[in-house]
Amino acid sequence: MTTPAALRKLEAAMRDRALAYPQTEEAFPWGERAIKVKGKAFLFMRLGDSELSFSVKLPRTGLQALALPFAKPTEYGLGRHGWVTVRLGKATKPLTEQCMAWIDESFRAVAPKRVVASLPAES
């Protein structure tokens, strides 16, 4: 089975958004894509045959995200620190916008304060 084009497009858009933040880099630990700021990951992604899975740190909206049927606390003990894993089988415009907001929240939660201070204020 091939990955749906909409999921490939969403993965590329999320990657581009994450790497647009200052002082970010991409790595591939454990076969997953990790986007880091100053060496600390704020986004893990994996694109499979039928889904896009990603994990982000959501200190403000994590409980709301966990109420969604496709979200759960991240494994390996990360969930207790505010990390949420999302598994999407399809991509829609509202989901894409939500994913971008989650990336922003995760970056701001993980990045050093002086890096966050260089960003425009949250909307």
PDB file of N, CA and C in Angstrom:
ATOM      1  N   MET A   1       0.842  -1.184   0.000  1.00  0.00           N
ATOM      2  CA  MET A   1       0.000   0.000   0.000  1.00  0.00           C
ATOM      3  C   MET A   1       0.889   1.250   0.000  1.00  0.00           C
ATOM      4  N   THR A   2       0.547   2.210  -0.800  1.00  0.00           N
ATOM      5  CA  THR A   2       1.323   3.440  -0.833  1.00  0.00           C
ATOM      6  C   THR A   2       0.684   4.486   0.076  1.00  0.00           C
ATOM      7  N   THR A   3       1.517   5.333   0.598  1.00  0.00           N
ATOM      8  CA  THR A   3       1.051   6.388   1.493  1.00  0.00           C
ATOM      9  C   THR A   3       0.201   7.377   0.709  1.00  0.00           C
ATOM     10  N   PRO A   4      -0.981   7.737   1.230  1.00  0.00           N
ATOM     11  CA  PRO A   4      -1.807   8.732   0.542  1.00  0.00           C
ATOM     12  C   PRO A   4      -1.046  10.045   0.332  1.00  0.00           C
ATOM     13  N   ALA A   5      -1.262  10.644  -0.830  1.00  0.00           N
ATOM     14  CA  ALA A   5      -0.562  11.885  -1.181  1.00  0.00           C
ATOM     15  C   ALA A   5      -0.812  12.987  -0.167  1.00  0.00           C
ATOM     16  N   ALA A   6      -2.015  13.061   0.381  1.00  0.00           N
ATOM     17  CA  ALA A   6      -2.331  14.119   1.351  1.00  0.00           C
ATOM     18  C   ALA A   6      -1.481  13.988   2.610  1.00  0.00           C
ATOM     19  N   LEU A   7      -1.183  12.753   3.023  1.00  0.00           N
ATOM     20  CA  LEU A   7      -0.332  12.564   4.206  1.00  0.00           C
ATOM     21  C   LEU A   7       1.121  12.925   3.901  1.00  0.00           C
ATOM     22  N   ARG A   8       1.585  12.579   2.703  1.00  0.00           N
ATOM     23  CA  ARG A   8       2.956  12.965   2.314  1.00  0.00           C
ATOM     24  C   ARG A   8       3.068  14.484   2.283  1.00  0.00           C
ATOM     25  N   LYS A   9       2.044  15.136   1.763  1.00  0.00           N
ATOM     26  CA  LYS A   9       2.040  16.599   1.692  1.00  0.00           C
ATOM     27  C   LYS A   9       2.025  17.209   3.100  1.00  0.00           C
ATOM     28  N   LEU A  10       1.236  16.631   3.997  1.00  0.00           N
ATOM     29  CA  LEU A  10       1.183  17.126   5.377  1.00  0.00           C
ATOM     30  C   LEU A  10       2.533  16.936   6.060  1.00  0.00           C
ATOM     31  N   GLU A  11       3.154  15.778   5.877  1.00  0.00           N
ATOM     32  CA  GLU A  11       4.467  15.545   6.485  1.00  0.00           C
ATOM     33  C   GLU A  11       5.474  16.596   5.988  1.00  0.00           C
ATOM     34  N   ALA A  12       5.482  16.850   4.696  1.00  0.00           N
ATOM     35  CA  ALA A  12       6.420  17.838   4.137  1.00  0.00           C
ATOM     36  C   ALA A  12       6.140  19.227   4.691  1.00  0.00           C
ATOM     37  N   ALA A  13       4.864  19.589   4.815  1.00  0.00           N
ATOM     38  CA  ALA A  13       4.510  20.907   5.354  1.00  0.00           C
ATOM     39  C   ALA A  13       4.915  21.031   6.818  1.00  0.00           C
ATOM     40  N   MET A  14       4.722  19.961   7.590  1.00  0.00           N
ATOM     41  CA  MET A  14       5.111  19.991   9.006  1.00  0.00           C
ATOM     42  C   MET A  14       6.623  20.085   9.137  1.00  0.00           C
ATOM     43  N   ARG A  15       7.345  19.339   8.316  1.00  0.00           N
ATOM     44  CA  ARG A  15       8.808  19.405   8.335  1.00  0.00           C
ATOM     45  C   ARG A  15       9.280  20.809   8.002  1.00  0.00           C
ATOM     46  N   ASP A  16       8.728  21.380   6.933  1.00  0.00           N
ATOM     47  CA  ASP A  16       9.122  22.735   6.528  1.00  0.00           C
ATOM     48  C   ASP A  16       8.835  23.743   7.632  1.00  0.00           C
ATOM     49  N   ARG A  17       7.657  23.635   8.250  1.00  0.00           N
ATOM     50  CA  ARG A  17       7.296  24.561   9.330  1.00  0.00           C
ATOM     51  C   ARG A  17       8.272  24.427  10.496  1.00  0.00           C
ATOM     52  N   ALA A  18       8.547  23.192  10.901  1.00  0.00           N
ATOM     53  CA  ALA A  18       9.429  22.971  12.046  1.00  0.00           C
ATOM     54  C   ALA A  18      10.846  23.480  11.773  1.00  0.00           C
ATOM     55  N   LEU A  19      11.351  23.255  10.570  1.00  0.00           N
ATOM     56  CA  LEU A  19      12.711  23.692  10.253  1.00  0.00           C
ATOM     57  C   LEU A  19      12.809  25.193   9.990  1.00  0.00           C
ATOM     58  N   ALA A  20      11.670  25.877   9.889  1.00  0.00           N
ATOM     59  CA  ALA A  20      11.684  27.325   9.696  1.00  0.00           C
ATOM     60  C   ALA A  20      11.962  28.072  11.002  1.00  0.00           C
ATOM     61  N   TYR A  21      11.832  27.398  12.125  1.00  0.00           N
ATOM     62  CA  TYR A  21      12.133  28.044  13.404  1.00  0.00           C
ATOM     63  C   TYR A  21      13.646  28.232  13.537  1.00  0.00           C
ATOM     64  N   PRO A  22      14.060  29.215  14.325  1.00  0.00           N
ATOM     65  CA  PRO A  22      15.502  29.465  14.452  1.00  0.00           C
ATOM     66  C   PRO A  22      16.231  28.326  15.175  1.00  0.00           C
ATOM     67  N   GLN A  23      17.455  28.099  14.730  1.00  0.00           N
ATOM     68  CA  GLN A  23      18.387  27.169  15.365  1.00  0.00           C
ATOM     69  C   GLN A  23      17.870  25.735  15.409  1.00  0.00           C
ATOM     70  N   THR A  24      17.170  25.325  14.342  1.00  0.00           N
ATOM     71  CA  THR A  24      16.654  23.962  14.281  1.00  0.00           C
ATOM     72  C   THR A  24      17.520  23.096  13.381  1.00  0.00           C
ATOM     73  N   GLU A  25      17.424  21.805  13.601  1.00  0.00           N
ATOM     74  CA  GLU A  25      18.133  20.828  12.783  1.00  0.00           C
ATOM     75  C   GLU A  25      17.302  19.551  12.729  1.00  0.00           C
ATOM     76  N   GLU A  26      17.614  18.727  11.756  1.00  0.00           N
ATOM     77  CA  GLU A  26      16.900  17.478  11.560  1.00  0.00           C
ATOM     78  C   GLU A  26      17.837  16.311  11.851  1.00  0.00           C
ATOM     79  N   ALA A  27      17.299  15.285  12.496  1.00  0.00           N
ATOM     80  CA  ALA A  27      18.066  14.074  12.785  1.00  0.00           C
ATOM     81  C   ALA A  27      17.142  12.876  12.563  1.00  0.00           C
ATOM     82  N   PHE A  28      17.727  11.665  12.556  1.00  0.00           N
ATOM     83  CA  PHE A  28      16.941  10.457  12.294  1.00  0.00           C
ATOM     84  C   PHE A  28      17.261   9.350  13.303  1.00  0.00           C
ATOM     85  N   PRO A  29      16.992   9.597  14.590  1.00  0.00           N
ATOM     86  CA  PRO A  29      17.221   8.529  15.573  1.00  0.00           C
ATOM     87  C   PRO A  29      16.112   7.481  15.480  1.00  0.00           C
ATOM     88  N   TRP A  30      16.422   6.247  15.708  1.00  0.00           N
ATOM     89  CA  TRP A  30      15.440   5.161  15.759  1.00  0.00           C
ATOM     90  C   TRP A  30      14.577   5.070  14.504  1.00  0.00           C
ATOM     91  N   GLY A  31      15.057   5.559  13.377  1.00  0.00           N
ATOM     92  CA  GLY A  31      14.299   5.484  12.138  1.00  0.00           C
ATOM     93  C   GLY A  31      13.192   6.510  12.011  1.00  0.00           C
ATOM     94  N   GLU A  32      13.099   7.420  12.973  1.00  0.00           N
ATOM     95  CA  GLU A  32      12.106   8.484  12.919  1.00  0.00           C
ATOM     96  C   GLU A  32      12.779   9.798  12.586  1.00  0.00           C
ATOM     97  N   ARG A  33      12.009  10.695  12.013  1.00  0.00           N
ATOM     98  CA  ARG A  33      12.486  12.052  11.777  1.00  0.00           C
ATOM     99  C   ARG A  33      12.319  12.817  13.089  1.00  0.00           C
ATOM    100  N   ALA A  34      13.365  13.482  13.536  1.00  0.00           N
ATOM    101  CA  ALA A  34      13.296  14.327  14.726  1.00  0.00           C
ATOM    102  C   ALA A  34      13.754  15.727  14.341  1.00  0.00           C
ATOM    103  N   ILE A  35      12.987  16.707  14.720  1.00  0.00           N
ATOM    104  CA  ILE A  35      13.382  18.089  14.509  1.00  0.00           C
ATOM    105  C   ILE A  35      13.744  18.638  15.878  1.00  0.00           C
ATOM    106  N   LYS A  36      14.938  19.218  15.974  1.00  0.00           N
ATOM    107  CA  LYS A  36      15.475  19.659  17.256  1.00  0.00           C
ATOM    108  C   LYS A  36      15.806  21.151  17.225  1.00  0.00           C
ATOM    109  N   VAL A  37      15.762  21.755  18.393  1.00  0.00           N
ATOM    110  CA  VAL A  37      16.229  23.115  18.587  1.00  0.00           C
ATOM    111  C   VAL A  37      17.324  23.056  19.648  1.00  0.00           C
ATOM    112  N   LYS A  38      18.499  23.521  19.288  1.00  0.00           N
ATOM    113  CA  LYS A  38      19.636  23.500  20.209  1.00  0.00           C
ATOM    114  C   LYS A  38      19.835  22.106  20.820  1.00  0.00           C
ATOM    115  N   GLY A  39      19.663  21.071  19.980  1.00  0.00           N
ATOM    116  CA  GLY A  39      19.906  19.703  20.410  1.00  0.00           C
ATOM    117  C   GLY A  39      18.759  19.015  21.129  1.00  0.00           C
ATOM    118  N   LYS A  40      17.648  19.716  21.368  1.00  0.00           N
ATOM    119  CA  LYS A  40      16.502  19.128  22.069  1.00  0.00           C
ATOM    120  C   LYS A  40      15.334  18.958  21.093  1.00  0.00           C
ATOM    121  N   ALA A  41      14.819  17.736  20.990  1.00  0.00           N
ATOM    122  CA  ALA A  41      13.734  17.452  20.055  1.00  0.00           C
ATOM    123  C   ALA A  41      12.439  18.124  20.492  1.00  0.00           C
ATOM    124  N   PHE A  42      11.724  18.670  19.508  1.00  0.00           N
ATOM    125  CA  PHE A  42      10.391  19.203  19.763  1.00  0.00           C
ATOM    126  C   PHE A  42       9.354  18.578  18.828  1.00  0.00           C
ATOM    127  N   LEU A  43       9.810  17.754  17.882  1.00  0.00           N
ATOM    128  CA  LEU A  43       8.896  17.065  16.968  1.00  0.00           C
ATOM    129  C   LEU A  43       9.543  15.766  16.512  1.00  0.00           C
ATOM    130  N   PHE A  44       8.813  14.666  16.693  1.00  0.00           N
ATOM    131  CA  PHE A  44       9.193  13.371  16.138  1.00  0.00           C
ATOM    132  C   PHE A  44       8.123  13.008  15.124  1.00  0.00           C
ATOM    133  N   MET A  45       8.523  12.509  13.939  1.00  0.00           N
ATOM    134  CA  MET A  45       7.550  12.131  12.906  1.00  0.00           C
ATOM    135  C   MET A  45       7.957  10.822  12.244  1.00  0.00           C
ATOM    136  N   ARG A  46       6.923  10.074  11.858  1.00  0.00           N
ATOM    137  CA  ARG A  46       7.130   8.855  11.077  1.00  0.00           C
ATOM    138  C   ARG A  46       5.971   8.736  10.101  1.00  0.00           C
ATOM    139  N   LEU A  47       6.305   8.578   8.836  1.00  0.00           N
ATOM    140  CA  LEU A  47       5.290   8.395   7.804  1.00  0.00           C
ATOM    141  C   LEU A  47       5.292   6.930   7.398  1.00  0.00           C
ATOM    142  N   GLY A  48       4.161   6.259   7.628  1.00  0.00           N
ATOM    143  CA  GLY A  48       4.026   4.855   7.268  1.00  0.00           C
ATOM    144  C   GLY A  48       3.203   4.697   6.003  1.00  0.00           C
ATOM    145  N   ASP A  49       2.830   3.461   5.725  1.00  0.00           N
ATOM    146  CA  ASP A  49       2.049   3.177   4.520  1.00  0.00           C
ATOM    147  C   ASP A  49       0.657   3.789   4.569  1.00  0.00           C
ATOM    148  N   SER A  50       0.075   3.871   5.759  1.00  0.00           N
ATOM    149  CA  SER A  50      -1.310   4.333   5.835  1.00  0.00           C
ATOM    150  C   SER A  50      -1.547   5.414   6.877  1.00  0.00           C
ATOM    151  N   GLU A  51      -0.473   5.879   7.547  1.00  0.00           N
ATOM    152  CA  GLU A  51      -0.676   6.922   8.543  1.00  0.00           C
ATOM    153  C   GLU A  51       0.580   7.762   8.745  1.00  0.00           C
ATOM    154  N   LEU A  52       0.337   8.955   9.259  1.00  0.00           N
ATOM    155  CA  LEU A  52       1.406   9.845   9.703  1.00  0.00           C
ATOM    156  C   LEU A  52       1.309   9.898  11.213  1.00  0.00           C
ATOM    157  N   SER A  53       2.382   9.538  11.869  1.00  0.00           N
ATOM    158  CA  SER A  53       2.446   9.559  13.323  1.00  0.00           C
ATOM    159  C   SER A  53       3.460  10.615  13.727  1.00  0.00           C
ATOM    160  N   PHE A  54       3.100  11.426  14.719  1.00  0.00           N
ATOM    161  CA  PHE A  54       4.059  12.403  15.224  1.00  0.00           C
ATOM    162  C   PHE A  54       3.820  12.657  16.698  1.00  0.00           C
ATOM    163  N   SER A  55       4.876  13.095  17.374  1.00  0.00           N
ATOM    164  CA  SER A  55       4.808  13.412  18.796  1.00  0.00           C
ATOM    165  C   SER A  55       5.313  14.822  19.020  1.00  0.00           C
ATOM    166  N   VAL A  56       4.600  15.550  19.880  1.00  0.00           N
ATOM    167  CA  VAL A  56       4.924  16.930  20.217  1.00  0.00           C
ATOM    168  C   VAL A  56       4.708  17.144  21.711  1.00  0.00           C
ATOM    169  N   LYS A  57       5.383  18.136  22.273  1.00  0.00           N
ATOM    170  CA  LYS A  57       5.209  18.483  23.684  1.00  0.00           C
ATOM    171  C   LYS A  57       4.160  19.590  23.768  1.00  0.00           C
ATOM    172  N   LEU A  58       3.066  19.314  24.494  1.00  0.00           N
ATOM    173  CA  LEU A  58       1.935  20.242  24.552  1.00  0.00           C
ATOM    174  C   LEU A  58       1.581  20.592  26.002  1.00  0.00           C
ATOM    175  N   PRO A  59       2.340  21.464  26.630  1.00  0.00           N
ATOM    176  CA  PRO A  59       2.043  21.801  28.023  1.00  0.00           C
ATOM    177  C   PRO A  59       0.741  22.578  28.217  1.00  0.00           C
ATOM    178  N   ARG A  60       0.301  23.326  27.214  1.00  0.00           N
ATOM    179  CA  ARG A  60      -0.929  24.123  27.342  1.00  0.00           C
ATOM    180  C   ARG A  60      -2.163  23.388  26.850  1.00  0.00           C
ATOM    181  N   THR A  61      -2.055  22.711  25.720  1.00  0.00           N
ATOM    182  CA  THR A  61      -3.248  22.124  25.090  1.00  0.00           C
ATOM    183  C   THR A  61      -3.233  20.593  25.072  1.00  0.00           C
ATOM    184  N   GLY A  62      -2.336  20.003  25.820  1.00  0.00           N
ATOM    185  CA  GLY A  62      -2.217  18.546  25.813  1.00  0.00           C
ATOM    186  C   GLY A  62      -3.487  17.811  26.204  1.00  0.00           C
ATOM    187  N   LEU A  63      -4.164  18.278  27.239  1.00  0.00           N
ATOM    188  CA  LEU A  63      -5.401  17.604  27.657  1.00  0.00           C
ATOM    189  C   LEU A  63      -6.470  17.682  26.584  1.00  0.00           C
ATOM    190  N   GLN A  64      -6.556  18.812  25.907  1.00  0.00           N
ATOM    191  CA  GLN A  64      -7.515  18.950  24.806  1.00  0.00           C
ATOM    192  C   GLN A  64      -7.146  17.999  23.672  1.00  0.00           C
ATOM    193  N   ALA A  65      -5.859  17.922  23.354  1.00  0.00           N
ATOM    194  CA  ALA A  65      -5.414  17.027  22.278  1.00  0.00           C
ATOM    195  C   ALA A  65      -5.721  15.575  22.635  1.00  0.00           C
ATOM    196  N   LEU A  66      -5.503  15.213  23.895  1.00  0.00           N
ATOM    197  CA  LEU A  66      -5.734  13.824  24.305  1.00  0.00           C
ATOM    198  C   LEU A  66      -7.207  13.429  24.265  1.00  0.00           C
ATOM    199  N   ALA A  67      -8.100  14.394  24.198  1.00  0.00           N
ATOM    200  CA  ALA A  67      -9.527  14.095  24.074  1.00  0.00           C
ATOM    201  C   ALA A  67      -9.886  13.654  22.655  1.00  0.00           C
ATOM    202  N   LEU A  68      -8.988  13.861  21.712  1.00  0.00           N
ATOM    203  CA  LEU A  68      -9.233  13.468  20.318  1.00  0.00           C
ATOM    204  C   LEU A  68      -8.985  11.966  20.162  1.00  0.00           C
ATOM    205  N   PRO A  69      -9.763  11.297  19.321  1.00  0.00           N
ATOM    206  CA  PRO A  69      -9.644   9.835  19.213  1.00  0.00           C
ATOM    207  C   PRO A  69      -8.319   9.357  18.610  1.00  0.00           C
ATOM    208  N   PHE A  70      -7.591  10.220  17.949  1.00  0.00           N
ATOM    209  CA  PHE A  70      -6.344   9.817  17.291  1.00  0.00           C
ATOM    210  C   PHE A  70      -5.100  10.278  18.054  1.00  0.00           C
ATOM    211  N   ALA A  71      -5.277  10.686  19.310  1.00  0.00           N
ATOM    212  CA  ALA A  71      -4.146  11.147  20.125  1.00  0.00           C
ATOM    213  C   ALA A  71      -4.058  10.325  21.404  1.00  0.00           C
ATOM    214  N   LYS A  72      -2.828  10.136  21.885  1.00  0.00           N
ATOM    215  CA  LYS A  72      -2.607   9.421  23.140  1.00  0.00           C
ATOM    216  C   LYS A  72      -1.308   9.936  23.757  1.00  0.00           C
ATOM    217  N   PRO A  73      -1.122   9.688  25.054  1.00  0.00           N
ATOM    218  CA  PRO A  73       0.155  10.083  25.663  1.00  0.00           C
ATOM    219  C   PRO A  73       1.308   9.341  24.984  1.00  0.00           C
ATOM    220  N   THR A  74       2.391  10.025  24.759  1.00  0.00           N
ATOM    221  CA  THR A  74       3.558   9.414  24.130  1.00  0.00           C
ATOM    222  C   THR A  74       4.139   8.347  25.053  1.00  0.00           C
ATOM    223  N   GLU A  75       4.577   7.260  24.467  1.00  0.00           N
ATOM    224  CA  GLU A  75       5.145   6.143  25.228  1.00  0.00           C
ATOM    225  C   GLU A  75       6.523   6.487  25.778  1.00  0.00           C
ATOM    226  N   TYR A  76       7.141   5.522  26.411  1.00  0.00           N
ATOM    227  CA  TYR A  76       8.483   5.628  26.983  1.00  0.00           C
ATOM    228  C   TYR A  76       8.552   6.682  28.085  1.00  0.00           C
ATOM    229  N   GLY A  77       7.427   6.911  28.769  1.00  0.00           N
ATOM    230  CA  GLY A  77       7.415   7.851  29.883  1.00  0.00           C
ATOM    231  C   GLY A  77       7.327   9.311  29.488  1.00  0.00           C
ATOM    232  N   LEU A  78       7.324   9.599  28.191  1.00  0.00           N
ATOM    233  CA  LEU A  78       7.271  10.997  27.764  1.00  0.00           C
ATOM    234  C   LEU A  78       5.895  11.619  27.987  1.00  0.00           C
ATOM    235  N   GLY A  79       4.850  10.796  27.958  1.00  0.00           N
ATOM    236  CA  GLY A  79       3.494  11.305  28.138  1.00  0.00           C
ATOM    237  C   GLY A  79       3.309  12.040  29.456  1.00  0.00           C
ATOM    238  N   ARG A  80       3.974  11.584  30.503  1.00  0.00           N
ATOM    239  CA  ARG A  80       3.830  12.254  31.803  1.00  0.00           C
ATOM    240  C   ARG A  80       4.526  13.614  31.833  1.00  0.00           C
ATOM    241  N   HIS A  81       5.304  13.892  30.806  1.00  0.00           N
ATOM    242  CA  HIS A  81       5.983  15.192  30.702  1.00  0.00           C
ATOM    243  C   HIS A  81       5.332  16.087  29.654  1.00  0.00           C
ATOM    244  N   GLY A  82       4.100  15.753  29.266  1.00  0.00           N
ATOM    245  CA  GLY A  82       3.356  16.608  28.356  1.00  0.00           C
ATOM    246  C   GLY A  82       3.455  16.257  26.881  1.00  0.00           C
ATOM    247  N   TRP A  83       4.082  15.145  26.556  1.00  0.00           N
ATOM    248  CA  TRP A  83       4.209  14.740  25.161  1.00  0.00           C
ATOM    249  C   TRP A  83       2.966  13.974  24.721  1.00  0.00           C
ATOM    250  N   VAL A  84       2.503  14.277  23.524  1.00  0.00           N
ATOM    251  CA  VAL A  84       1.313  13.659  22.947  1.00  0.00           C
ATOM    252  C   VAL A  84       1.688  13.082  21.585  1.00  0.00           C
ATOM    253  N   THR A  85       1.226  11.867  21.310  1.00  0.00           N
ATOM    254  CA  THR A  85       1.430  11.236  20.003  1.00  0.00           C
ATOM    255  C   THR A  85       0.107  11.241  19.245  1.00  0.00           C
ATOM    256  N   VAL A  86       0.185  11.680  18.004  1.00  0.00           N
ATOM    257  CA  VAL A  86      -0.978  11.784  17.128  1.00  0.00           C
ATOM    258  C   VAL A  86      -0.758  10.838  15.953  1.00  0.00           C
ATOM    259  N   ARG A  87      -1.791  10.078  15.611  1.00  0.00           N
ATOM    260  CA  ARG A  87      -1.732   9.162  14.465  1.00  0.00           C
ATOM    261  C   ARG A  87      -2.864   9.521  13.517  1.00  0.00           C
ATOM    262  N   LEU A  88      -2.496  10.016  12.342  1.00  0.00           N
ATOM    263  CA  LEU A  88      -3.480  10.465  11.364  1.00  0.00           C
ATOM    264  C   LEU A  88      -3.519   9.535  10.158  1.00  0.00           C
ATOM    265  N   GLY A  89      -4.713   9.122   9.796  1.00  0.00           N
ATOM    266  CA  GLY A  89      -4.903   8.304   8.606  1.00  0.00           C
ATOM    267  C   GLY A  89      -5.341   9.128   7.411  1.00  0.00           C
ATOM    268  N   LYS A  90      -5.649  10.394   7.666  1.00  0.00           N
ATOM    269  CA  LYS A  90      -6.025  11.301   6.577  1.00  0.00           C
ATOM    270  C   LYS A  90      -5.614  12.711   6.982  1.00  0.00           C
ATOM    271  N   ALA A  91      -5.565  13.587   6.002  1.00  0.00           N
ATOM    272  CA  ALA A  91      -5.199  14.985   6.252  1.00  0.00           C
ATOM    273  C   ALA A  91      -6.312  15.873   5.721  1.00  0.00           C
ATOM    274  N   THR A  92      -6.752  16.798   6.537  1.00  0.00           N
ATOM    275  CA  THR A  92      -7.742  17.786   6.121  1.00  0.00           C
ATOM    276  C   THR A  92      -7.193  19.161   6.462  1.00  0.00           C
ATOM    277  N   LYS A  93      -7.791  20.194   5.914  1.00  0.00           N
ATOM    278  CA  LYS A  93      -7.308  21.543   6.200  1.00  0.00           C
ATOM    279  C   LYS A  93      -7.366  21.867   7.699  1.00  0.00           C
ATOM    280  N   PRO A  94      -8.485  21.587   8.395  1.00  0.00           N
ATOM    281  CA  PRO A  94      -8.497  21.868   9.833  1.00  0.00           C
ATOM    282  C   PRO A  94      -7.439  21.073  10.607  1.00  0.00           C
ATOM    283  N   LEU A  95      -7.228  19.810  10.235  1.00  0.00           N
ATOM    284  CA  LEU A  95      -6.190  19.022  10.896  1.00  0.00           C
ATOM    285  C   LEU A  95      -4.804  19.595  10.620  1.00  0.00           C
ATOM    286  N   THR A  96      -4.567  20.015   9.398  1.00  0.00           N
ATOM    287  CA  THR A  96      -3.279  20.609   9.046  1.00  0.00           C
ATOM    288  C   THR A  96      -3.025  21.855   9.885  1.00  0.00           C
ATOM    289  N   GLU A  97      -4.015  22.708  10.010  1.00  0.00           N
ATOM    290  CA  GLU A  97      -3.862  23.922  10.820  1.00  0.00           C
ATOM    291  C   GLU A  97      -3.594  23.571  12.280  1.00  0.00           C
ATOM    292  N   GLN A  98      -4.281  22.554  12.799  1.00  0.00           N
ATOM    293  CA  GLN A  98      -4.059  22.139  14.187  1.00  0.00           C
ATOM    294  C   GLN A  98      -2.654  21.597  14.369  1.00  0.00           C
ATOM    295  N   CYS A  99      -2.184  20.802  13.414  1.00  0.00           N
ATOM    296  CA  CYS A  99      -0.825  20.261  13.496  1.00  0.00           C
ATOM    297  C   CYS A  99       0.209  21.384  13.547  1.00  0.00           C
ATOM    298  N   MET A 100       0.023  22.409  12.755  1.00  0.00           N
ATOM    299  CA  MET A 100       0.957  23.538  12.746  1.00  0.00           C
ATOM    300  C   MET A 100       0.938  24.262  14.098  1.00  0.00           C
ATOM    301  N   ALA A 101      -0.232  24.412  14.688  1.00  0.00           N
ATOM    302  CA  ALA A 101      -0.334  25.045  16.009  1.00  0.00           C
ATOM    303  C   ALA A 101       0.372  24.186  17.062  1.00  0.00           C
ATOM    304  N   TRP A 102       0.228  22.868  16.965  1.00  0.00           N
ATOM    305  CA  TRP A 102       0.905  21.991  17.915  1.00  0.00           C
ATOM    306  C   TRP A 102       2.425  22.074  17.762  1.00  0.00           C
ATOM    307  N   ILE A 103       2.918  22.175  16.539  1.00  0.00           N
ATOM    308  CA  ILE A 103       4.359  22.330  16.329  1.00  0.00           C
ATOM    309  C   ILE A 103       4.843  23.614  16.991  1.00  0.00           C
ATOM    310  N   ASP A 104       4.096  24.695  16.820  1.00  0.00           N
ATOM    311  CA  ASP A 104       4.477  25.962  17.428  1.00  0.00           C
ATOM    312  C   ASP A 104       4.518  25.841  18.949  1.00  0.00           C
ATOM    313  N   GLU A 105       3.496  25.248  19.531  1.00  0.00           N
ATOM    314  CA  GLU A 105       3.465  25.094  20.990  1.00  0.00           C
ATOM    315  C   GLU A 105       4.641  24.241  21.465  1.00  0.00           C
ATOM    316  N   SER A 106       4.927  23.168  20.756  1.00  0.00           N
ATOM    317  CA  SER A 106       6.023  22.286  21.140  1.00  0.00           C
ATOM    318  C   SER A 106       7.369  23.001  21.038  1.00  0.00           C
ATOM    319  N   PHE A 107       7.579  23.740  19.949  1.00  0.00           N
ATOM    320  CA  PHE A 107       8.833  24.477  19.804  1.00  0.00           C
ATOM    321  C   PHE A 107       9.011  25.445  20.970  1.00  0.00           C
ATOM    322  N   ARG A 108       7.971  26.208  21.280  1.00  0.00           N
ATOM    323  CA  ARG A 108       8.044  27.199  22.359  1.00  0.00           C
ATOM    324  C   ARG A 108       8.249  26.541  23.723  1.00  0.00           C
ATOM    325  N   ALA A 109       7.763  25.302  23.886  1.00  0.00           N
ATOM    326  CA  ALA A 109       7.931  24.592  25.152  1.00  0.00           C
ATOM    327  C   ALA A 109       9.347  24.056  25.335  1.00  0.00           C
ATOM    328  N   VAL A 110      10.012  23.725  24.240  1.00  0.00           N
ATOM    329  CA  VAL A 110      11.318  23.065  24.304  1.00  0.00           C
ATOM    330  C   VAL A 110      12.480  24.028  24.100  1.00  0.00           C
ATOM    331  N   ALA A 111      12.303  25.031  23.267  1.00  0.00           N
ATOM    332  CA  ALA A 111      13.407  25.950  22.917  1.00  0.00           C
ATOM    333  C   ALA A 111      13.844  26.776  24.125  1.00  0.00           C
ATOM    334  N   PRO A 112      15.116  27.149  24.153  1.00  0.00           N
ATOM    335  CA  PRO A 112      15.577  28.060  25.211  1.00  0.00           C
ATOM    336  C   PRO A 112      14.797  29.378  25.166  1.00  0.00           C
ATOM    337  N   LYS A 113      14.636  29.979  26.322  1.00  0.00           N
ATOM    338  CA  LYS A 113      13.842  31.215  26.429  1.00  0.00           C
ATOM    339  C   LYS A 113      14.332  32.313  25.489  1.00  0.00           C
ATOM    340  N   ARG A 114      15.627  32.441  25.321  1.00  0.00           N
ATOM    341  CA  ARG A 114      16.129  33.523  24.457  1.00  0.00           C
ATOM    342  C   ARG A 114      15.795  33.270  22.982  1.00  0.00           C
ATOM    343  N   VAL A 115      15.698  31.998  22.593  1.00  0.00           N
ATOM    344  CA  VAL A 115      15.290  31.680  21.224  1.00  0.00           C
ATOM    345  C   VAL A 115      13.802  31.998  21.050  1.00  0.00           C
ATOM    346  N   VAL A 116      12.978  31.618  22.039  1.00  0.00           N
ATOM    347  CA  VAL A 116      11.554  31.900  21.986  1.00  0.00           C
ATOM    348  C   VAL A 116      11.318  33.409  21.960  1.00  0.00           C
ATOM    349  N   ALA A 117      12.126  34.168  22.697  1.00  0.00           N
ATOM    350  CA  ALA A 117      11.972  35.620  22.755  1.00  0.00           C
ATOM    351  C   ALA A 117      12.199  36.271  21.381  1.00  0.00           C
ATOM    352  N   SER A 118      12.921  35.595  20.509  1.00  0.00           N
ATOM    353  CA  SER A 118      13.188  36.156  19.186  1.00  0.00           C
ATOM    354  C   SER A 118      12.008  35.951  18.223  1.00  0.00           C
ATOM    355  N   LEU A 119      11.009  35.186  18.641  1.00  0.00           N
ATOM    356  CA  LEU A 119       9.843  34.898  17.793  1.00  0.00           C
ATOM    357  C   LEU A 119       8.773  35.967  17.960  1.00  0.00           C
ATOM    358  N   PRO A 120       7.886  36.104  16.978  1.00  0.00           N
ATOM    359  CA  PRO A 120       6.716  36.956  17.173  1.00  0.00           C
ATOM    360  C   PRO A 120       5.868  36.381  18.321  1.00  0.00           C
ATOM    361  N   ALA A 121       5.101  37.220  18.960  1.00  0.00           N
ATOM    362  CA  ALA A 121       4.238  36.766  20.054  1.00  0.00           C
ATOM    363  C   ALA A 121       3.248  35.731  19.537  1.00  0.00           C
ATOM    364  N   GLU A 122       2.842  34.831  20.440  1.00  0.00           N
ATOM    365  CA  GLU A 122       1.835  33.836  20.053  1.00  0.00           C
ATOM    366  C   GLU A 122       0.523  34.517  19.749  1.00  0.00           C
ATOM    367  N   SER A 123      -0.206  33.937  18.791  1.00  0.00           N
ATOM    368  CA  SER A 123      -1.504  34.522  18.458  1.00  0.00           C
ATOM    369  C   SER A 123      -2.619  33.786  19.132  1.00  0.00           C
TER     370      SER A 123
END
